[in-house]
Amino acid sequence: MSVPARVDEWYDSFWDIALKYCEGNVRDAEHFMDTGVFNFYYRIRQKANWLKWHNEQFKQED
């Protein structure tokens, strides 16, 4: 499994946490995910994509 795929899986797992934290209120859970978790996820996903690209470039040099 690639690093970006792992990051996506990690992000998806937060939906259960958000729903529990917001006591089942979907609108509040979406807001929680959009404001708090997504910003963190977006930065990690950018770094994961860069790492994948970097590793592919390094493999091509061999």
N, C-alpha and C. Protein backbone atom coordinates (compact mmCIF):
# COMPACT_ATOMS: atom_id res chain seq x y z
N MET A 1 0.86 -1.18 0.00
CA MET A 1 0.00 0.00 0.00
C MET A 1 0.90 1.24 0.00
N SER A 2 0.60 2.17 -0.87
CA SER A 2 1.41 3.38 -0.99
C SER A 2 1.15 4.32 0.20
N VAL A 3 2.06 5.24 0.38
CA VAL A 3 1.92 6.20 1.47
C VAL A 3 0.65 7.06 1.28
N PRO A 4 0.39 7.59 0.08
CA PRO A 4 -0.86 8.36 -0.08
C PRO A 4 -2.12 7.53 0.22
N ALA A 5 -2.12 6.26 -0.14
CA ALA A 5 -3.27 5.41 0.15
C ALA A 5 -3.43 5.21 1.66
N ARG A 6 -2.33 5.09 2.35
CA ARG A 6 -2.39 4.96 3.82
C ARG A 6 -2.94 6.23 4.45
N VAL A 7 -2.52 7.38 3.91
CA VAL A 7 -3.02 8.65 4.44
C VAL A 7 -4.52 8.76 4.21
N ASP A 8 -5.00 8.36 3.03
CA ASP A 8 -6.44 8.38 2.76
C ASP A 8 -7.20 7.46 3.70
N GLU A 9 -6.65 6.30 3.97
CA GLU A 9 -7.28 5.35 4.89
C GLU A 9 -7.34 5.94 6.29
N TRP A 10 -6.27 6.59 6.69
CA TRP A 10 -6.21 7.24 8.01
C TRP A 10 -7.28 8.33 8.11
N TYR A 11 -7.41 9.14 7.05
CA TYR A 11 -8.41 10.21 7.04
C TYR A 11 -9.82 9.64 7.13
N ASP A 12 -10.08 8.58 6.37
CA ASP A 12 -11.41 7.96 6.39
C ASP A 12 -11.77 7.43 7.77
N SER A 13 -10.77 6.96 8.51
CA SER A 13 -11.03 6.41 9.84
C SER A 13 -11.48 7.50 10.81
N PHE A 14 -11.18 8.74 10.52
CA PHE A 14 -11.57 9.83 11.41
C PHE A 14 -13.07 10.12 11.37
N TRP A 15 -13.77 9.66 10.33
CA TRP A 15 -15.22 9.89 10.29
C TRP A 15 -15.92 9.25 11.48
N ASP A 16 -15.51 8.04 11.84
CA ASP A 16 -16.11 7.38 13.01
C ASP A 16 -15.84 8.17 14.27
N ILE A 17 -14.63 8.66 14.40
CA ILE A 17 -14.26 9.45 15.58
C ILE A 17 -15.06 10.74 15.61
N ALA A 18 -15.19 11.39 14.45
CA ALA A 18 -15.93 12.65 14.38
C ALA A 18 -17.40 12.44 14.76
N LEU A 19 -17.99 11.37 14.27
CA LEU A 19 -19.40 11.10 14.60
C LEU A 19 -19.58 10.82 16.09
N LYS A 20 -18.64 10.09 16.69
CA LYS A 20 -18.73 9.84 18.13
C LYS A 20 -18.53 11.13 18.91
N TYR A 21 -17.54 11.93 18.49
CA TYR A 21 -17.25 13.19 19.17
C TYR A 21 -18.44 14.14 19.10
N CYS A 22 -19.13 14.14 17.97
CA CYS A 22 -20.28 15.03 17.76
C CYS A 22 -21.60 14.36 18.10
N GLU A 23 -21.54 13.24 18.78
CA GLU A 23 -22.71 12.51 19.26
C GLU A 23 -23.69 12.17 18.14
N GLY A 24 -23.16 11.76 17.00
CA GLY A 24 -23.99 11.31 15.90
C GLY A 24 -24.56 12.39 15.01
N ASN A 25 -24.28 13.64 15.31
CA ASN A 25 -24.77 14.75 14.50
C ASN A 25 -23.89 14.87 13.25
N VAL A 26 -24.44 14.51 12.10
CA VAL A 26 -23.66 14.46 10.86
C VAL A 26 -23.17 15.85 10.46
N ARG A 27 -24.02 16.85 10.59
CA ARG A 27 -23.62 18.21 10.21
C ARG A 27 -22.44 18.69 11.06
N ASP A 28 -22.49 18.46 12.36
CA ASP A 28 -21.37 18.85 13.23
C ASP A 28 -20.12 18.04 12.91
N ALA A 29 -20.30 16.76 12.60
CA ALA A 29 -19.16 15.92 12.26
C ALA A 29 -18.50 16.39 10.97
N GLU A 30 -19.31 16.77 9.98
CA GLU A 30 -18.75 17.30 8.73
C GLU A 30 -17.98 18.59 8.98
N HIS A 31 -18.53 19.45 9.82
CA HIS A 31 -17.84 20.70 10.16
C HIS A 31 -16.52 20.40 10.87
N PHE A 32 -16.54 19.46 11.79
CA PHE A 32 -15.33 19.06 12.51
C PHE A 32 -14.27 18.55 11.54
N MET A 33 -14.70 17.71 10.60
CA MET A 33 -13.76 17.15 9.62
C MET A 33 -13.24 18.24 8.69
N ASP A 34 -14.12 19.12 8.24
CA ASP A 34 -13.72 20.16 7.29
C ASP A 34 -12.79 21.19 7.90
N THR A 35 -12.99 21.52 9.16
CA THR A 35 -12.19 22.58 9.76
C THR A 35 -10.94 22.07 10.47
N GLY A 36 -11.05 20.99 11.18
CA GLY A 36 -9.91 20.53 11.96
C GLY A 36 -9.08 19.47 11.29
N VAL A 37 -9.71 18.39 10.94
CA VAL A 37 -8.98 17.23 10.45
C VAL A 37 -8.51 17.43 9.01
N PHE A 38 -9.32 18.06 8.17
CA PHE A 38 -8.96 18.18 6.76
C PHE A 38 -7.69 18.99 6.57
N ASN A 39 -7.53 20.07 7.32
CA ASN A 39 -6.31 20.88 7.17
C ASN A 39 -5.07 20.06 7.49
N PHE A 40 -5.14 19.27 8.54
CA PHE A 40 -4.03 18.40 8.92
C PHE A 40 -3.82 17.33 7.85
N TYR A 41 -4.91 16.72 7.40
CA TYR A 41 -4.84 15.69 6.36
C TYR A 41 -4.23 16.25 5.08
N TYR A 42 -4.64 17.45 4.70
CA TYR A 42 -4.16 18.04 3.44
C TYR A 42 -2.65 18.21 3.46
N ARG A 43 -2.09 18.67 4.58
CA ARG A 43 -0.64 18.84 4.68
C ARG A 43 0.08 17.50 4.62
N ILE A 44 -0.47 16.51 5.31
CA ILE A 44 0.16 15.18 5.29
C ILE A 44 0.06 14.58 3.89
N ARG A 45 -1.08 14.76 3.25
CA ARG A 45 -1.27 14.20 1.90
C ARG A 45 -0.30 14.85 0.90
N GLN A 46 -0.07 16.15 1.01
CA GLN A 46 0.89 16.83 0.14
C GLN A 46 2.28 16.23 0.32
N LYS A 47 2.67 16.01 1.56
CA LYS A 47 3.99 15.44 1.82
C LYS A 47 4.07 14.01 1.34
N ALA A 48 2.99 13.26 1.48
CA ALA A 48 2.97 11.87 1.00
C ALA A 48 3.09 11.82 -0.52
N ASN A 49 2.39 12.72 -1.20
CA ASN A 49 2.49 12.77 -2.66
C ASN A 49 3.90 13.16 -3.10
N TRP A 50 4.51 14.11 -2.39
CA TRP A 50 5.88 14.49 -2.71
C TRP A 50 6.83 13.32 -2.49
N LEU A 51 6.64 12.60 -1.39
CA LEU A 51 7.49 11.45 -1.10
C LEU A 51 7.36 10.38 -2.18
N LYS A 52 6.14 10.13 -2.61
CA LYS A 52 5.91 9.16 -3.69
C LYS A 52 6.61 9.61 -4.97
N TRP A 53 6.46 10.88 -5.32
CA TRP A 53 7.11 11.42 -6.51
C TRP A 53 8.63 11.32 -6.39
N HIS A 54 9.15 11.69 -5.24
CA HIS A 54 10.60 11.65 -5.01
C HIS A 54 11.14 10.24 -5.15
N ASN A 55 10.44 9.28 -4.58
CA ASN A 55 10.88 7.89 -4.67
C ASN A 55 10.84 7.39 -6.11
N GLU A 56 9.83 7.80 -6.87
CA GLU A 56 9.75 7.41 -8.28
C GLU A 56 10.90 8.01 -9.08
N GLN A 57 11.26 9.25 -8.78
CA GLN A 57 12.38 9.89 -9.47
C GLN A 57 13.69 9.19 -9.14
N PHE A 58 13.84 8.81 -7.89
CA PHE A 58 15.06 8.14 -7.44
C PHE A 58 15.20 6.78 -8.11
N LYS A 59 14.08 6.06 -8.27
CA LYS A 59 14.11 4.76 -8.92
C LYS A 59 14.49 4.88 -10.39
N GLN A 60 14.07 5.96 -11.04
CA GLN A 60 14.38 6.15 -12.45
C GLN A 60 15.86 6.41 -12.68
N GLU A 61 16.55 6.96 -11.68
CA GLU A 61 17.98 7.25 -11.82
C GLU A 61 18.83 6.00 -11.79
N ASP A 62 18.32 4.93 -11.19
CA ASP A 62 19.10 3.68 -11.07
C ASP A 62 19.29 2.98 -12.38
